[in-house]
Amino acid sequence: MQITDSLYSRTEDALDTIRPYLATDGGNVKIVEITDEGILHLELLGSCGTCPMSAMTMKAGIEEAVRRLVPEIHQIQAVKG
């Protein structure tokens, strides 16, 4: 898969749909990398990085938003910054 500006931009747009919810709890998310295999590596920022509910946030919020708007992304992983 070729990583294009459009793919990156659409992924940012998808994350922007969930960012207001993360921000209410003092968190955010940053794209670290999108691999050629369609794996999105994200860094959870602020309170999201240490929250015990971050795994649920990834599954129920972030993954859902990204997969709905960017079907080329096949897997999403949180990475340490």
PDB file of N, CA and C in Angstrom:
ATOM      1  N   MET A   1       0.845  -1.167   0.000  1.00  0.00           N
ATOM      2  CA  MET A   1       0.000   0.000   0.000  1.00  0.00           C
ATOM      3  C   MET A   1       0.898   1.239   0.000  1.00  0.00           C
ATOM      4  N   GLN A   2       0.567   2.179  -0.820  1.00  0.00           N
ATOM      5  CA  GLN A   2       1.330   3.417  -0.869  1.00  0.00           C
ATOM      6  C   GLN A   2       0.730   4.419   0.112  1.00  0.00           C
ATOM      7  N   ILE A   3       1.589   4.965   0.964  1.00  0.00           N
ATOM      8  CA  ILE A   3       1.147   5.960   1.928  1.00  0.00           C
ATOM      9  C   ILE A   3       1.147   7.319   1.227  1.00  0.00           C
ATOM     10  N   THR A   4      -0.032   7.854   1.015  1.00  0.00           N
ATOM     11  CA  THR A   4      -0.168   9.122   0.303  1.00  0.00           C
ATOM     12  C   THR A   4      -0.578  10.221   1.276  1.00  0.00           C
ATOM     13  N   ASP A   5      -0.459  11.452   0.814  1.00  0.00           N
ATOM     14  CA  ASP A   5      -0.922  12.582   1.614  1.00  0.00           C
ATOM     15  C   ASP A   5      -2.418  12.454   1.886  1.00  0.00           C
ATOM     16  N   SER A   6      -3.157  11.932   0.911  1.00  0.00           N
ATOM     17  CA  SER A   6      -4.595  11.762   1.072  1.00  0.00           C
ATOM     18  C   SER A   6      -4.909  10.762   2.178  1.00  0.00           C
ATOM     19  N   LEU A   7      -4.194   9.649   2.216  1.00  0.00           N
ATOM     20  CA  LEU A   7      -4.409   8.637   3.251  1.00  0.00           C
ATOM     21  C   LEU A   7      -4.112   9.233   4.628  1.00  0.00           C
ATOM     22  N   TYR A   8      -3.004   9.931   4.726  1.00  0.00           N
ATOM     23  CA  TYR A   8      -2.629  10.568   5.992  1.00  0.00           C
ATOM     24  C   TYR A   8      -3.683  11.601   6.395  1.00  0.00           C
ATOM     25  N   SER A   9      -4.104  12.413   5.448  1.00  0.00           N
ATOM     26  CA  SER A   9      -5.083  13.460   5.708  1.00  0.00           C
ATOM     27  C   SER A   9      -6.433  12.874   6.143  1.00  0.00           C
ATOM     28  N   ARG A  10      -6.874  11.818   5.462  1.00  0.00           N
ATOM     29  CA  ARG A  10      -8.140  11.185   5.824  1.00  0.00           C
ATOM     30  C   ARG A  10      -8.060  10.540   7.201  1.00  0.00           C
ATOM     31  N   THR A  11      -6.884  10.013   7.538  1.00  0.00           N
ATOM     32  CA  THR A  11      -6.694   9.431   8.868  1.00  0.00           C
ATOM     33  C   THR A  11      -6.751  10.524   9.927  1.00  0.00           C
ATOM     34  N   GLU A  12      -6.106  11.655   9.670  1.00  0.00           N
ATOM     35  CA  GLU A  12      -6.188  12.795  10.593  1.00  0.00           C
ATOM     36  C   GLU A  12      -7.634  13.261  10.742  1.00  0.00           C
ATOM     37  N   ASP A  13      -8.362  13.323   9.633  1.00  0.00           N
ATOM     38  CA  ASP A  13      -9.765  13.734   9.678  1.00  0.00           C
ATOM     39  C   ASP A  13     -10.581  12.771  10.543  1.00  0.00           C
ATOM     40  N   ALA A  14     -10.318  11.474  10.411  1.00  0.00           N
ATOM     41  CA  ALA A  14     -11.019  10.475  11.223  1.00  0.00           C
ATOM     42  C   ALA A  14     -10.692  10.667  12.703  1.00  0.00           C
ATOM     43  N   LEU A  15      -9.425  10.909  12.997  1.00  0.00           N
ATOM     44  CA  LEU A  15      -9.032  11.139  14.388  1.00  0.00           C
ATOM     45  C   LEU A  15      -9.645  12.422  14.930  1.00  0.00           C
ATOM     46  N   ASP A  16      -9.806  13.423  14.069  1.00  0.00           N
ATOM     47  CA  ASP A  16     -10.416  14.681  14.495  1.00  0.00           C
ATOM     48  C   ASP A  16     -11.853  14.484  14.974  1.00  0.00           C
ATOM     49  N   THR A  17     -12.532  13.433  14.503  1.00  0.00           N
ATOM     50  CA  THR A  17     -13.901  13.185  14.949  1.00  0.00           C
ATOM     51  C   THR A  17     -13.930  12.685  16.386  1.00  0.00           C
ATOM     52  N   ILE A  18     -12.855  12.084  16.859  1.00  0.00           N
ATOM     53  CA  ILE A  18     -12.807  11.534  18.210  1.00  0.00           C
ATOM     54  C   ILE A  18     -12.039  12.445  19.179  1.00  0.00           C
ATOM     55  N   ARG A  19     -11.213  13.326  18.651  1.00  0.00           N
ATOM     56  CA  ARG A  19     -10.371  14.184  19.510  1.00  0.00           C
ATOM     57  C   ARG A  19     -11.152  15.025  20.523  1.00  0.00           C
ATOM     58  N   PRO A  20     -12.301  15.599  20.177  1.00  0.00           N
ATOM     59  CA  PRO A  20     -13.031  16.380  21.192  1.00  0.00           C
ATOM     60  C   PRO A  20     -13.388  15.543  22.426  1.00  0.00           C
ATOM     61  N   TYR A  21     -13.704  14.277  22.230  1.00  0.00           N
ATOM     62  CA  TYR A  21     -14.039  13.401  23.355  1.00  0.00           C
ATOM     63  C   TYR A  21     -12.798  13.100  24.192  1.00  0.00           C
ATOM     64  N   LEU A  22     -11.669  12.897  23.522  1.00  0.00           N
ATOM     65  CA  LEU A  22     -10.428  12.664  24.244  1.00  0.00           C
ATOM     66  C   LEU A  22     -10.026  13.912  25.030  1.00  0.00           C
ATOM     67  N   ALA A  23     -10.211  15.066  24.421  1.00  0.00           N
ATOM     68  CA  ALA A  23      -9.805  16.323  25.042  1.00  0.00           C
ATOM     69  C   ALA A  23     -10.597  16.626  26.311  1.00  0.00           C
ATOM     70  N   THR A  24     -11.854  16.177  26.387  1.00  0.00           N
ATOM     71  CA  THR A  24     -12.649  16.440  27.589  1.00  0.00           C
ATOM     72  C   THR A  24     -12.026  15.791  28.817  1.00  0.00           C
ATOM     73  N   ASP A  25     -11.242  14.745  28.612  1.00  0.00           N
ATOM     74  CA  ASP A  25     -10.553  14.072  29.715  1.00  0.00           C
ATOM     75  C   ASP A  25      -9.062  14.388  29.732  1.00  0.00           C
ATOM     76  N   GLY A  26      -8.644  15.392  28.966  1.00  0.00           N
ATOM     77  CA  GLY A  26      -7.245  15.804  28.972  1.00  0.00           C
ATOM     78  C   GLY A  26      -6.337  14.961  28.100  1.00  0.00           C
ATOM     79  N   GLY A  27      -6.893  14.304  27.095  1.00  0.00           N
ATOM     80  CA  GLY A  27      -6.083  13.445  26.237  1.00  0.00           C
ATOM     81  C   GLY A  27      -6.086  13.877  24.786  1.00  0.00           C
ATOM     82  N   ASN A  28      -5.295  13.155  24.010  1.00  0.00           N
ATOM     83  CA  ASN A  28      -5.217  13.379  22.573  1.00  0.00           C
ATOM     84  C   ASN A  28      -4.542  12.159  21.961  1.00  0.00           C
ATOM     85  N   VAL A  29      -4.404  12.168  20.656  1.00  0.00           N
ATOM     86  CA  VAL A  29      -3.779  11.064  19.941  1.00  0.00           C
ATOM     87  C   VAL A  29      -2.989  11.638  18.781  1.00  0.00           C
ATOM     88  N   LYS A  30      -1.856  11.002  18.460  1.00  0.00           N
ATOM     89  CA  LYS A  30      -0.981  11.486  17.391  1.00  0.00           C
ATOM     90  C   LYS A  30      -0.597  10.316  16.494  1.00  0.00           C
ATOM     91  N   ILE A  31      -0.627  10.545  15.189  1.00  0.00           N
ATOM     92  CA  ILE A  31      -0.150   9.538  14.243  1.00  0.00           C
ATOM     93  C   ILE A  31       1.368   9.464  14.340  1.00  0.00           C
ATOM     94  N   VAL A  32       1.882   8.268  14.577  1.00  0.00           N
ATOM     95  CA  VAL A  32       3.318   8.041  14.577  1.00  0.00           C
ATOM     96  C   VAL A  32       3.744   7.536  13.209  1.00  0.00           C
ATOM     97  N   GLU A  33       2.955   6.600  12.655  1.00  0.00           N
ATOM     98  CA  GLU A  33       3.323   5.982  11.383  1.00  0.00           C
ATOM     99  C   GLU A  33       2.122   5.255  10.801  1.00  0.00           C
ATOM    100  N   ILE A  34       2.062   5.231   9.496  1.00  0.00           N
ATOM    101  CA  ILE A  34       1.166   4.338   8.768  1.00  0.00           C
ATOM    102  C   ILE A  34       2.071   3.467   7.912  1.00  0.00           C
ATOM    103  N   THR A  35       2.053   2.173   8.161  1.00  0.00           N
ATOM    104  CA  THR A  35       2.959   1.276   7.446  1.00  0.00           C
ATOM    105  C   THR A  35       2.391   0.902   6.076  1.00  0.00           C
ATOM    106  N   ASP A  36       3.247   0.331   5.244  1.00  0.00           N
ATOM    107  CA  ASP A  36       2.831  -0.138   3.929  1.00  0.00           C
ATOM    108  C   ASP A  36       1.798  -1.263   4.032  1.00  0.00           C
ATOM    109  N   GLU A  37       1.761  -1.934   5.181  1.00  0.00           N
ATOM    110  CA  GLU A  37       0.810  -3.029   5.396  1.00  0.00           C
ATOM    111  C   GLU A  37      -0.541  -2.533   5.901  1.00  0.00           C
ATOM    112  N   GLY A  38      -0.697  -1.219   6.042  1.00  0.00           N
ATOM    113  CA  GLY A  38      -1.960  -0.657   6.505  1.00  0.00           C
ATOM    114  C   GLY A  38      -2.116  -0.686   8.010  1.00  0.00           C
ATOM    115  N   ILE A  39      -1.003  -0.656   8.726  1.00  0.00           N
ATOM    116  CA  ILE A  39      -1.040  -0.609  10.186  1.00  0.00           C
ATOM    117  C   ILE A  39      -0.796   0.828  10.624  1.00  0.00           C
ATOM    118  N   LEU A  40      -1.714   1.338  11.417  1.00  0.00           N
ATOM    119  CA  LEU A  40      -1.626   2.691  11.943  1.00  0.00           C
ATOM    120  C   LEU A  40      -1.051   2.621  13.347  1.00  0.00           C
ATOM    121  N   HIS A  41       0.069   3.276  13.561  1.00  0.00           N
ATOM    122  CA  HIS A  41       0.679   3.379  14.887  1.00  0.00           C
ATOM    123  C   HIS A  41       0.330   4.740  15.458  1.00  0.00           C
ATOM    124  N   LEU A  42      -0.296   4.719  16.623  1.00  0.00           N
ATOM    125  CA  LEU A  42      -0.728   5.945  17.283  1.00  0.00           C
ATOM    126  C   LEU A  42      -0.061   6.079  18.637  1.00  0.00           C
ATOM    127  N   GLU A  43       0.213   7.307  19.020  1.00  0.00           N
ATOM    128  CA  GLU A  43       0.677   7.588  20.368  1.00  0.00           C
ATOM    129  C   GLU A  43      -0.471   8.263  21.117  1.00  0.00           C
ATOM    130  N   LEU A  44      -0.831   7.692  22.257  1.00  0.00           N
ATOM    131  CA  LEU A  44      -1.849   8.290  23.108  1.00  0.00           C
ATOM    132  C   LEU A  44      -1.170   9.345  23.966  1.00  0.00           C
ATOM    133  N   LEU A  45      -1.714  10.546  23.951  1.00  0.00           N
ATOM    134  CA  LEU A  45      -1.088  11.687  24.621  1.00  0.00           C
ATOM    135  C   LEU A  45      -1.902  12.132  25.829  1.00  0.00           C
ATOM    136  N   GLY A  46      -1.246  12.875  26.708  1.00  0.00           N
ATOM    137  CA  GLY A  46      -1.920  13.422  27.877  1.00  0.00           C
ATOM    138  C   GLY A  46      -2.437  12.314  28.773  1.00  0.00           C
ATOM    139  N   SER A  47      -3.617  12.516  29.302  1.00  0.00           N
ATOM    140  CA  SER A  47      -4.178  11.533  30.219  1.00  0.00           C
ATOM    141  C   SER A  47      -4.498  10.208  29.535  1.00  0.00           C
ATOM    142  N   CYS A  48      -4.649  10.207  28.226  1.00  0.00           N
ATOM    143  CA  CYS A  48      -4.921   8.948  27.509  1.00  0.00           C
ATOM    144  C   CYS A  48      -3.742   7.975  27.611  1.00  0.00           C
ATOM    145  N   GLY A  49      -2.539   8.524  27.738  1.00  0.00           N
ATOM    146  CA  GLY A  49      -1.357   7.677  27.812  1.00  0.00           C
ATOM    147  C   GLY A  49      -1.270   6.860  29.074  1.00  0.00           C
ATOM    148  N   THR A  50      -1.929   7.319  30.143  1.00  0.00           N
ATOM    149  CA  THR A  50      -1.852   6.615  31.417  1.00  0.00           C
ATOM    150  C   THR A  50      -3.200   6.124  31.922  1.00  0.00           C
ATOM    151  N   CYS A  51      -4.230   6.349  31.178  1.00  0.00           N
ATOM    152  CA  CYS A  51      -5.580   5.985  31.603  1.00  0.00           C
ATOM    153  C   CYS A  51      -5.781   4.471  31.560  1.00  0.00           C
ATOM    154  N   PRO A  52      -6.349   3.889  32.609  1.00  0.00           N
ATOM    155  CA  PRO A  52      -6.618   2.454  32.592  1.00  0.00           C
ATOM    156  C   PRO A  52      -7.703   2.064  31.581  1.00  0.00           C
ATOM    157  N   MET A  53      -8.465   3.021  31.102  1.00  0.00           N
ATOM    158  CA  MET A  53      -9.518   2.749  30.121  1.00  0.00           C
ATOM    159  C   MET A  53      -9.041   2.969  28.686  1.00  0.00           C
ATOM    160  N   SER A  54      -7.757   3.225  28.486  1.00  0.00           N
ATOM    161  CA  SER A  54      -7.261   3.552  27.150  1.00  0.00           C
ATOM    162  C   SER A  54      -7.466   2.416  26.155  1.00  0.00           C
ATOM    163  N   ALA A  55      -7.407   1.168  26.597  1.00  0.00           N
ATOM    164  CA  ALA A  55      -7.640   0.051  25.676  1.00  0.00           C
ATOM    165  C   ALA A  55      -9.072   0.084  25.149  1.00  0.00           C
ATOM    166  N   MET A  56     -10.017   0.409  26.020  1.00  0.00           N
ATOM    167  CA  MET A  56     -11.409   0.503  25.587  1.00  0.00           C
ATOM    168  C   MET A  56     -11.605   1.707  24.672  1.00  0.00           C
ATOM    169  N   THR A  57     -10.935   2.798  24.974  1.00  0.00           N
ATOM    170  CA  THR A  57     -11.006   3.984  24.114  1.00  0.00           C
ATOM    171  C   THR A  57     -10.488   3.655  22.719  1.00  0.00           C
ATOM    172  N   MET A  58      -9.390   2.886  22.656  1.00  0.00           N
ATOM    173  CA  MET A  58      -8.835   2.489  21.349  1.00  0.00           C
ATOM    174  C   MET A  58      -9.855   1.672  20.574  1.00  0.00           C
ATOM    175  N   LYS A  59     -10.437   0.665  21.205  1.00  0.00           N
ATOM    176  CA  LYS A  59     -11.362  -0.240  20.509  1.00  0.00           C
ATOM    177  C   LYS A  59     -12.672   0.455  20.147  1.00  0.00           C
ATOM    178  N   ALA A  60     -13.311   1.062  21.134  1.00  0.00           N
ATOM    179  CA  ALA A  60     -14.660   1.589  20.934  1.00  0.00           C
ATOM    180  C   ALA A  60     -14.696   2.937  20.243  1.00  0.00           C
ATOM    181  N   GLY A  61     -13.655   3.723  20.385  1.00  0.00           N
ATOM    182  CA  GLY A  61     -13.691   5.063  19.813  1.00  0.00           C
ATOM    183  C   GLY A  61     -12.771   5.262  18.641  1.00  0.00           C
ATOM    184  N   ILE A  62     -11.488   5.129  18.884  1.00  0.00           N
ATOM    185  CA  ILE A  62     -10.495   5.455  17.863  1.00  0.00           C
ATOM    186  C   ILE A  62     -10.563   4.482  16.687  1.00  0.00           C
ATOM    187  N   GLU A  63     -10.534   3.184  16.970  1.00  0.00           N
ATOM    188  CA  GLU A  63     -10.574   2.204  15.868  1.00  0.00           C
ATOM    189  C   GLU A  63     -11.842   2.338  15.049  1.00  0.00           C
ATOM    190  N   GLU A  64     -12.955   2.510  15.715  1.00  0.00           N
ATOM    191  CA  GLU A  64     -14.231   2.641  15.012  1.00  0.00           C
ATOM    192  C   GLU A  64     -14.221   3.846  14.073  1.00  0.00           C
ATOM    193  N   ALA A  65     -13.754   4.977  14.562  1.00  0.00           N
ATOM    194  CA  ALA A  65     -13.719   6.197  13.750  1.00  0.00           C
ATOM    195  C   ALA A  65     -12.796   6.039  12.552  1.00  0.00           C
ATOM    196  N   VAL A  66     -11.618   5.474  12.757  1.00  0.00           N
ATOM    197  CA  VAL A  66     -10.653   5.331  11.670  1.00  0.00           C
ATOM    198  C   VAL A  66     -11.137   4.310  10.654  1.00  0.00           C
ATOM    199  N   ARG A  67     -11.595   3.170  11.104  1.00  0.00           N
ATOM    200  CA  ARG A  67     -12.028   2.119  10.158  1.00  0.00           C
ATOM    201  C   ARG A  67     -13.242   2.545   9.334  1.00  0.00           C
ATOM    202  N   ARG A  68     -14.106   3.350   9.915  1.00  0.00           N
ATOM    203  CA  ARG A  68     -15.287   3.811   9.187  1.00  0.00           C
ATOM    204  C   ARG A  68     -14.890   4.748   8.046  1.00  0.00           C
ATOM    205  N   LEU A  69     -13.909   5.622   8.293  1.00  0.00           N
ATOM    206  CA  LEU A  69     -13.545   6.639   7.307  1.00  0.00           C
ATOM    207  C   LEU A  69     -12.325   6.291   6.464  1.00  0.00           C
ATOM    208  N   VAL A  70     -11.506   5.353   6.934  1.00  0.00           N
ATOM    209  CA  VAL A  70     -10.276   4.994   6.215  1.00  0.00           C
ATOM    210  C   VAL A  70     -10.170   3.466   6.169  1.00  0.00           C
ATOM    211  N   PRO A  71     -10.914   2.832   5.273  1.00  0.00           N
ATOM    212  CA  PRO A  71     -10.929   1.364   5.232  1.00  0.00           C
ATOM    213  C   PRO A  71      -9.586   0.735   4.849  1.00  0.00           C
ATOM    214  N   GLU A  72      -8.663   1.523   4.325  1.00  0.00           N
ATOM    215  CA  GLU A  72      -7.339   0.989   3.983  1.00  0.00           C
ATOM    216  C   GLU A  72      -6.523   0.628   5.224  1.00  0.00           C
ATOM    217  N   ILE A  73      -6.896   1.209   6.369  1.00  0.00           N
ATOM    218  CA  ILE A  73      -6.207   0.894   7.618  1.00  0.00           C
ATOM    219  C   ILE A  73      -6.743  -0.436   8.118  1.00  0.00           C
ATOM    220  N   HIS A  74      -5.857  -1.420   8.259  1.00  0.00           N
ATOM    221  CA  HIS A  74      -6.265  -2.769   8.648  1.00  0.00           C
ATOM    222  C   HIS A  74      -6.060  -3.055  10.120  1.00  0.00           C
ATOM    223  N   GLN A  75      -5.173  -2.320  10.757  1.00  0.00           N
ATOM    224  CA  GLN A  75      -4.882  -2.564  12.168  1.00  0.00           C
ATOM    225  C   GLN A  75      -4.420  -1.251  12.796  1.00  0.00           C
ATOM    226  N   ILE A  76      -4.758  -1.089  14.069  1.00  0.00           N
ATOM    227  CA  ILE A  76      -4.356   0.115  14.793  1.00  0.00           C
ATOM    228  C   ILE A  76      -3.658  -0.323  16.069  1.00  0.00           C
ATOM    229  N   GLN A  77      -2.479   0.241  16.298  1.00  0.00           N
ATOM    230  CA  GLN A  77      -1.702  -0.101  17.483  1.00  0.00           C
ATOM    231  C   GLN A  77      -1.266   1.148  18.196  1.00  0.00           C
ATOM    232  N   ALA A  78      -1.354   1.100  19.524  1.00  0.00           N
ATOM    233  CA  ALA A  78      -0.819   2.194  20.340  1.00  0.00           C
ATOM    234  C   ALA A  78       0.665   1.918  20.585  1.00  0.00           C
ATOM    235  N   VAL A  79       1.469   2.952  20.471  1.00  0.00           N
ATOM    236  CA  VAL A  79       2.897   2.829  20.715  1.00  0.00           C
ATOM    237  C   VAL A  79       3.301   3.859  21.754  1.00  0.00           C
ATOM    238  N   LYS A  80       4.381   3.586  22.440  1.00  0.00           N
ATOM    239  CA  LYS A  80       4.918   4.537  23.412  1.00  0.00           C
ATOM    240  C   LYS A  80       5.738   5.578  22.677  1.00  0.00           C
ATOM    241  N   GLY A  81       5.613   6.824  23.099  1.00  0.00           N
ATOM    242  CA  GLY A  81       6.309   7.922  22.432  1.00  0.00           C
ATOM    243  C   GLY A  81       7.746   8.045  22.740  1.00  0.00           C
TER     244      GLY A  81
END
